[in-house]
Protein backbone atom coordinates (compact mmCIF):
# COMPACT_ATOMS: atom_id res chain seq x y z
CA MET A 1 153.01 90.10 163.41
CA PRO A 2 152.65 86.26 164.59
CA ASN A 3 155.43 84.85 166.82
CA ALA A 4 156.47 81.09 166.82
CA TYR A 5 156.10 80.00 170.40
CA LEU A 6 158.16 76.49 171.80
CA ILE A 7 155.69 75.00 174.46
CA THR A 8 157.60 72.62 176.28
CA GLY A 9 154.97 70.11 177.74
CA GLY A 10 152.77 70.93 174.98
CA ALA A 11 150.86 68.21 175.19
CA GLY A 12 150.14 68.82 178.93
CA PHE A 13 146.95 69.98 180.39
CA ILE A 14 147.99 73.74 180.68
CA GLY A 15 150.46 73.50 177.28
CA SER A 16 147.52 72.13 175.24
CA HIS A 17 145.15 74.82 176.28
CA LEU A 18 147.90 77.54 175.92
CA ALA A 19 148.81 76.12 172.39
CA GLU A 20 144.87 76.34 171.53
CA VAL A 21 144.84 80.27 172.44
CA LEU A 22 147.66 81.57 170.66
CA LEU A 23 147.12 79.44 167.27
CA GLU A 24 143.59 81.27 167.63
CA ARG A 25 145.15 84.59 167.29
CA GLY A 26 147.29 83.60 164.48
CA ASP A 27 150.48 82.55 166.09
CA ARG A 28 152.32 79.30 165.27
CA VAL A 29 153.12 76.61 168.04
CA VAL A 30 155.91 74.01 168.26
CA ALA A 31 154.66 71.44 171.36
CA LEU A 32 157.66 69.38 172.61
CA ASP A 33 156.84 66.84 175.15
CA ASP A 34 157.98 63.50 175.81
CA LEU A 35 154.32 62.24 176.55
CA SER A 36 155.07 60.88 179.98
CA THR A 37 151.99 62.86 181.40
CA GLY A 38 151.20 64.55 178.32
CA ARG A 39 148.53 63.30 175.77
CA ARG A 40 148.31 63.51 172.18
CA SER A 41 144.70 63.14 172.55
CA ASN A 42 144.57 66.86 174.23
CA LEU A 43 146.15 67.94 171.13
CA ARG A 44 143.20 66.94 169.01
CA ARG A 45 141.70 70.49 168.51
CA VAL A 46 144.80 71.42 166.97
CA ALA A 47 146.53 68.56 165.57
CA ASN A 48 145.26 69.32 162.04
CA ASN A 49 146.38 73.40 162.04
CA SER A 50 149.13 74.15 159.86
CA ASN A 51 150.53 76.23 162.23
CA PHE A 52 150.78 73.49 164.69
CA GLU A 53 153.49 70.63 164.96
CA LEU A 54 154.16 68.16 168.08
CA VAL A 55 157.72 67.29 168.74
CA VAL A 56 158.05 64.14 170.71
CA GLY A 57 160.86 64.73 172.65
CA SER A 58 162.72 65.26 175.84
CA VAL A 59 163.49 68.67 177.34
CA LEU A 60 166.78 66.60 178.37
CA ASP A 61 167.46 66.24 174.84
CA GLU A 62 169.92 69.31 174.36
CA LEU A 63 170.22 69.13 170.48
CA MET A 64 166.75 68.33 170.17
CA VAL A 65 165.92 71.21 172.48
CA ASP A 66 168.50 73.72 170.69
CA GLU A 67 167.18 73.37 167.31
CA LEU A 68 163.72 74.08 168.16
CA VAL A 69 164.51 76.99 170.14
CA HIS A 70 166.70 78.35 167.55
CA ARG A 71 163.46 77.90 165.23
CA CYS A 72 160.97 79.73 167.35
CA ASP A 73 160.85 83.13 168.70
CA VAL A 74 159.29 82.35 171.90
CA VAL A 75 159.94 79.78 174.64
CA VAL A 76 157.16 78.92 177.33
CA HIS A 77 158.93 76.25 179.25
CA LEU A 78 156.00 74.09 181.10
CA ALA A 79 157.50 71.01 181.08
CA ALA A 80 157.97 69.36 184.59
CA ALA A 81 157.75 66.21 186.55
CA VAL A 82 154.36 67.66 188.84
CA GLY A 83 152.26 66.26 191.31
CA VAL A 84 152.33 65.54 194.63
CA LYS A 85 152.05 61.64 194.16
CA LEU A 86 154.80 61.57 191.41
CA ILE A 87 157.02 63.72 193.35
CA VAL A 88 157.16 61.76 196.06
CA GLU A 89 157.34 58.06 194.26
CA GLN A 90 159.87 59.23 192.02
CA PRO A 91 162.20 62.20 193.45
CA LEU A 92 165.23 61.42 191.74
CA ARG A 93 163.77 61.50 188.04
CA SER A 94 161.59 64.52 189.05
CA PHE A 95 164.32 66.45 190.74
CA THR A 96 166.86 65.57 187.54
CA THR A 97 163.96 66.52 184.64
CA ASN A 98 163.07 69.51 186.59
CA ILE A 99 166.51 70.84 187.07
CA ARG A 100 168.33 69.67 184.04
CA GLY A 101 165.52 70.15 181.77
CA SER A 102 165.32 73.57 182.83
CA GLU A 103 168.90 74.41 182.56
CA ILE A 104 169.09 73.04 179.01
CA VAL A 105 165.85 74.95 177.74
CA VAL A 106 167.01 78.57 179.53
CA GLY A 107 170.70 77.85 178.04
CA SER A 108 169.42 77.41 174.71
CA ALA A 109 166.83 80.68 175.07
CA HIS A 110 170.14 82.91 176.23
CA ARG A 111 171.99 80.93 173.21
CA TYR A 112 169.38 82.78 170.33
CA ARG A 113 168.21 85.64 172.36
CA ARG A 114 164.48 84.12 172.72
CA LYS A 115 162.39 85.58 175.09
CA ILE A 116 161.12 83.02 177.97
CA LEU A 117 158.35 82.24 180.47
CA VAL A 118 159.67 79.90 182.93
CA ALA A 119 156.35 78.00 184.90
CA SER A 120 156.90 77.60 188.61
CA THR A 121 154.92 76.79 191.56
CA SER A 122 153.23 77.33 194.57
CA GLU A 123 155.67 74.64 195.99
CA ILE A 124 158.22 77.28 196.61
CA TYR A 125 156.95 78.33 199.39
CA GLY A 126 157.06 75.30 201.34
CA LYS A 127 155.20 75.56 204.47
CA ASN A 128 154.47 79.06 204.89
CA GLY A 129 151.27 79.19 205.33
CA SER A 130 150.45 82.19 207.34
CA GLU A 131 149.03 84.87 205.21
CA PRO A 132 148.48 85.46 201.30
CA LEU A 133 151.79 84.89 199.77
CA GLY A 134 153.26 87.66 198.22
CA GLU A 135 155.73 86.72 195.86
CA SER A 136 158.61 87.92 198.03
CA ALA A 137 157.10 85.56 200.74
CA ASP A 138 159.73 83.53 202.92
CA ARG A 139 160.45 80.08 201.73
CA ILE A 140 159.52 77.37 204.66
CA LEU A 141 160.57 73.48 203.78
CA GLY A 142 161.05 70.44 205.55
CA ALA A 143 164.13 68.10 205.80
CA THR A 144 165.94 67.39 203.00
CA SER A 145 164.77 63.64 203.82
CA ILE A 146 161.47 64.47 202.70
CA ALA A 147 160.79 63.71 199.04
CA ARG A 148 158.19 66.19 198.62
CA TRP A 149 160.46 69.38 199.56
CA SER A 150 162.88 68.28 196.27
CA TYR A 151 160.44 69.63 193.90
CA SER A 152 160.33 73.00 195.62
CA THR A 153 163.75 72.94 195.70
CA ALA A 154 164.12 72.33 191.98
CA LYS A 155 161.48 74.60 191.19
CA ALA A 156 163.45 77.29 192.97
CA VAL A 157 166.61 76.03 191.25
CA ASP A 158 164.79 76.97 188.11
CA GLU A 159 163.51 80.51 189.29
CA ILE A 160 167.13 81.24 190.14
CA LEU A 161 168.56 80.26 187.29
CA ALA A 162 166.22 81.98 184.96
CA LEU A 163 166.54 85.09 186.91
CA ALA A 164 170.49 85.21 187.07
CA TYR A 165 170.50 85.11 183.35
CA HIS A 166 168.40 87.75 183.01
CA ARG A 167 170.60 89.98 186.01
CA GLU A 168 173.86 88.98 184.31
CA ARG A 169 173.03 88.06 180.86
CA GLY A 170 170.16 90.37 179.85
CA LEU A 171 168.19 87.43 178.95
CA HIS A 172 163.83 88.37 178.46
CA ALA A 173 162.88 85.78 180.97
CA VAL A 174 159.70 85.88 183.10
CA VAL A 175 158.60 83.61 186.18
CA ALA A 176 155.04 82.61 186.83
CA ARG A 177 154.25 80.64 190.18
CA LEU A 178 150.93 78.86 189.57
CA PHE A 179 148.36 77.94 192.26
CA ASN A 180 146.73 74.47 192.09
CA THR A 181 145.68 75.12 188.09
CA VAL A 182 142.57 72.82 187.67
CA GLY A 183 140.24 72.42 184.37
CA PRO A 184 139.42 70.05 181.67
CA ARG A 185 141.96 67.72 180.38
CA GLN A 186 143.87 67.24 183.76
CA SER A 187 144.81 64.01 184.75
CA PRO A 188 143.49 62.15 187.94
CA ALA A 189 146.99 60.73 188.25
CA TYR A 190 149.77 61.77 190.31
CA GLY A 191 147.89 63.41 193.35
CA MET A 192 145.72 66.08 191.32
CA VAL A 193 143.16 66.64 194.00
CA ILE A 194 140.11 67.98 191.82
CA PRO A 195 140.24 65.36 189.16
CA ARG A 196 140.34 62.79 191.32
CA LEU A 197 137.14 63.55 193.67
CA VAL A 198 135.66 64.18 190.75
CA ARG A 199 136.10 60.66 188.80
CA GLN A 200 135.22 59.17 192.48
CA ALA A 201 131.86 60.99 192.42
CA ILE A 202 130.51 60.43 189.06
CA SER A 203 131.36 56.66 189.78
CA ASP A 204 129.61 56.54 193.47
CA GLU A 205 132.39 55.74 194.81
CA PRO A 206 133.87 56.97 198.19
CA LEU A 207 135.69 60.62 197.95
CA THR A 208 139.02 60.10 199.46
CA VAL A 209 139.90 63.09 201.44
CA PHE A 210 143.09 62.72 203.21
CA GLY A 211 144.26 63.77 206.82
CA ASP A 212 141.56 65.38 208.57
CA GLY A 213 140.31 67.63 205.44
CA GLN A 214 140.79 70.84 206.92
CA GLN A 215 143.79 71.64 204.86
CA SER A 216 142.65 74.54 202.58
CA ARG A 217 143.88 75.93 198.89
CA CYS A 218 142.53 77.97 196.13
CA PHE A 219 141.90 76.64 192.28
CA CYS A 220 142.26 78.46 189.17
CA HIS A 221 140.62 77.51 186.05
CA VAL A 222 143.28 76.87 183.22
CA ALA A 223 141.53 79.42 180.86
CA ASP A 224 142.09 82.36 183.63
CA VAL A 225 146.09 81.05 183.90
CA VAL A 226 146.58 80.97 180.36
CA ARG A 227 145.07 84.72 180.15
CA ALA A 228 147.29 85.58 182.76
CA LEU A 229 150.25 83.67 180.81
CA VAL A 230 149.58 85.33 177.42
CA GLY A 231 149.19 88.94 178.96
CA LEU A 232 152.98 88.24 180.68
CA LEU A 233 154.14 87.26 177.11
CA ASP A 234 153.02 90.09 175.38
CA ARG A 235 154.55 92.68 177.57
CA ASP A 236 158.01 93.47 177.30
CA GLU A 237 158.42 95.11 180.81
CA ALA A 238 157.40 91.51 182.58
CA SER A 239 161.10 90.84 182.06
CA GLY A 240 163.00 89.88 185.29
CA GLU A 241 159.96 89.64 187.66
CA VAL A 242 158.09 86.96 189.27
CA PHE A 243 154.22 87.11 189.50
CA ASN A 244 151.77 84.47 191.28
CA ILE A 245 148.87 83.30 189.03
CA GLY A 246 145.91 81.92 191.46
CA SER A 247 142.76 82.57 192.76
CA SER A 248 142.15 83.87 196.51
CA GLU A 249 138.55 81.58 196.63
CA GLU A 250 139.99 79.55 199.71
CA VAL A 251 138.00 76.22 200.37
CA THR A 252 139.01 73.23 202.82
CA ILE A 253 139.46 70.14 201.31
CA ARG A 254 136.92 68.65 203.05
CA GLU A 255 134.57 71.83 201.81
CA LEU A 256 135.74 70.96 198.39
CA ALA A 257 134.96 67.15 198.54
CA GLU A 258 131.41 67.76 199.50
CA ARG A 259 130.71 70.82 197.10
CA VAL A 260 132.13 67.96 194.52
CA ILE A 261 129.12 65.99 195.91
CA GLU A 262 126.63 68.29 195.59
CA ARG A 263 127.63 69.62 191.90
CA SER A 264 128.01 66.02 190.63
CA LYS A 265 124.57 65.15 191.98
CA SER A 266 126.61 61.87 193.39
CA SER A 267 125.52 59.76 196.42
CA SER A 268 129.19 59.30 197.30
CA THR A 269 130.39 59.81 201.19
CA VAL A 270 133.63 61.40 202.09
CA SER A 271 135.78 59.09 203.58
CA LEU A 272 138.88 60.57 205.68
CA VAL A 273 142.02 58.74 205.18
CA PRO A 274 145.61 59.25 207.25
CA TYR A 275 148.62 60.49 205.24
CA SER A 276 150.43 57.64 206.81
CA ASP A 277 148.14 55.31 204.47
CA ALA A 278 148.06 57.06 201.23
CA TYR A 279 151.98 58.36 201.21
CA ALA A 280 155.17 56.85 202.25
CA ALA A 281 156.72 57.70 205.87
CA GLY A 282 157.69 61.08 206.74
CA PHE A 283 155.03 62.76 203.91
CA GLU A 284 154.52 66.62 204.89
CA ASP A 285 151.60 68.83 204.13
CA MET A 286 150.90 72.29 204.73
CA ARG A 287 147.27 73.45 206.38
CA ARG A 288 146.89 76.47 204.21
CA ARG A 289 148.07 78.22 200.65
CA VAL A 290 146.65 81.25 199.46
CA PRO A 291 148.26 83.20 196.82
CA ASP A 292 148.70 87.24 197.06
CA THR A 293 147.97 87.97 193.24
CA THR A 294 147.91 92.11 193.83
CA LYS A 295 151.37 92.18 191.66
CA ILE A 296 149.71 90.69 188.19
CA ARG A 297 146.45 92.33 189.11
CA GLU A 298 148.32 96.12 188.80
CA PHE A 299 150.37 94.86 186.34
CA MET A 300 148.06 94.01 183.62
CA ASP A 301 144.59 94.38 185.03
CA TRP A 302 144.12 90.52 185.52
CA SER A 303 141.81 88.49 187.94
CA PRO A 304 140.29 85.06 187.82
CA ARG A 305 137.17 85.52 185.86
CA ARG A 306 135.53 81.81 187.16
CA SER A 307 134.34 80.71 190.27
CA LEU A 308 135.18 77.42 192.17
CA ASP A 309 131.47 75.95 191.18
CA GLN A 310 132.52 76.95 187.42
CA ILE A 311 135.42 75.30 187.90
CA LEU A 312 133.78 71.97 189.46
CA ASP A 313 131.62 72.55 187.09
CA ASP A 314 133.71 71.81 184.30
CA ALA A 315 135.62 69.21 185.54
CA ILE A 316 132.72 67.02 186.20
CA ALA A 317 131.74 67.71 182.56
CA ASP A 318 135.22 66.78 181.07
CA ALA A 319 135.14 63.82 183.50
CA ARG A 320 132.05 62.60 182.43
CA ASP A 321 132.91 63.01 178.28
CA GLU A 322 136.02 60.84 179.45
CA LEU A 323 134.10 57.87 180.92
CA LEU A 324 131.88 57.79 177.63
CA ILE A 325 135.40 57.59 175.67
CA ASP A 326 136.40 55.05 178.06
CA GLU A 327 133.33 52.64 177.60
CA ASP A 328 133.21 53.29 174.00
CA ALA A 329 136.77 52.15 173.93
CA ALA A 330 135.94 49.16 175.86
CA LYS A 331 133.30 48.12 173.63
CA VAL A 332 135.44 48.07 170.59
CA ARG A 333 137.92 46.31 172.52
CA ASP A 334 135.38 43.50 173.42
CA LEU A 335 134.33 43.52 169.83
CA THR A 336 137.83 43.13 168.56
CA ASP A 337 138.16 40.23 171.44
CA ASP A 338 135.37 38.24 170.28
CA ALA A 339 136.29 38.51 166.75
CA ASP A 340 139.46 37.25 167.23
CA SER A 341 138.15 34.09 169.82
CA PHE A 342 136.20 33.64 166.45
CA ALA A 343 138.88 33.66 164.03
CA GLY A 344 140.99 31.42 166.78
CA ALA A 345 138.52 28.76 166.87
CA GLY A 346 138.31 28.42 163.16
CA ILE A 347 135.28 30.13 162.44
CA GLY A 348 136.77 33.53 161.29
CA ALA A 349 135.23 33.34 157.86
CA LEU A 350 131.25 32.63 158.35
CA PRO A 351 129.25 32.07 154.82
CA ILE A 352 126.82 35.17 154.11
CA ALA A 353 123.26 34.53 154.48
């Protein structure tokens, strides 16, 4: 029987892809988004679906959240302030949104006894990068004066809150820790590395790599991540559990930039930029972050289906499509400006020859 899903952050990168999958299988979807980082254009494929509704609003609006949770059967809490650049530049906004917003959403899910999936992050593990990270791995964080670690702390609070509601009050809650989800519709803003490098490459600009480029990460296609999220939502036995979701295909950021250049057939070069030139004083990064996904593989036989090269090909195609859209929009603006100039000059109504 179809369910009604509330997706907070539903106009965002991951939320829009999840909405499409749920609607394709016949469920109803309500997307709540304040459009601060989400975009209406992300939802163009579902905008006219009679089972879809976009509500523009904030997870900090308690009355709105309460009403929407009451109307739905399942809650997927994706709304968050994300991205290293945003976290470092606006730590207070990020911290408040991530903690208070989750408190409101999780509290409403408990009030109406709704199943909830809370999206968390690999930032939970902080600077722990010695081995592939399992769900019970230690968290190693820097000083509280370093803005980056406020995000890790806020998401840890979100997890603790959801799991405490599960243990003490029986809330059906599951936590998904996402490791570098990438793919079409991901914005290059706020420090998202692949879309930023791709857009530099297709413009034949130098690809900026921070530090020495030897820090390594693993990237997972959004379609694979959504498949994992739907699987967790469909299994009641996931309640009370935490799952890593990500790829084990490890790559240094320098190697990543070189592969972007190769896949996009760009004439760009790689430019190493010191952290001190990219971020405020005191910025900290981690050398390695690789997930151990044994738990979710054994739980529901899940593993990523797309390689890094396939991820990059999708990101490059998406960036080129957006570039064409931007160019077309610029042409329309130029034509409009020309018409306004003619009108302002008193020749807006020309005779028909």
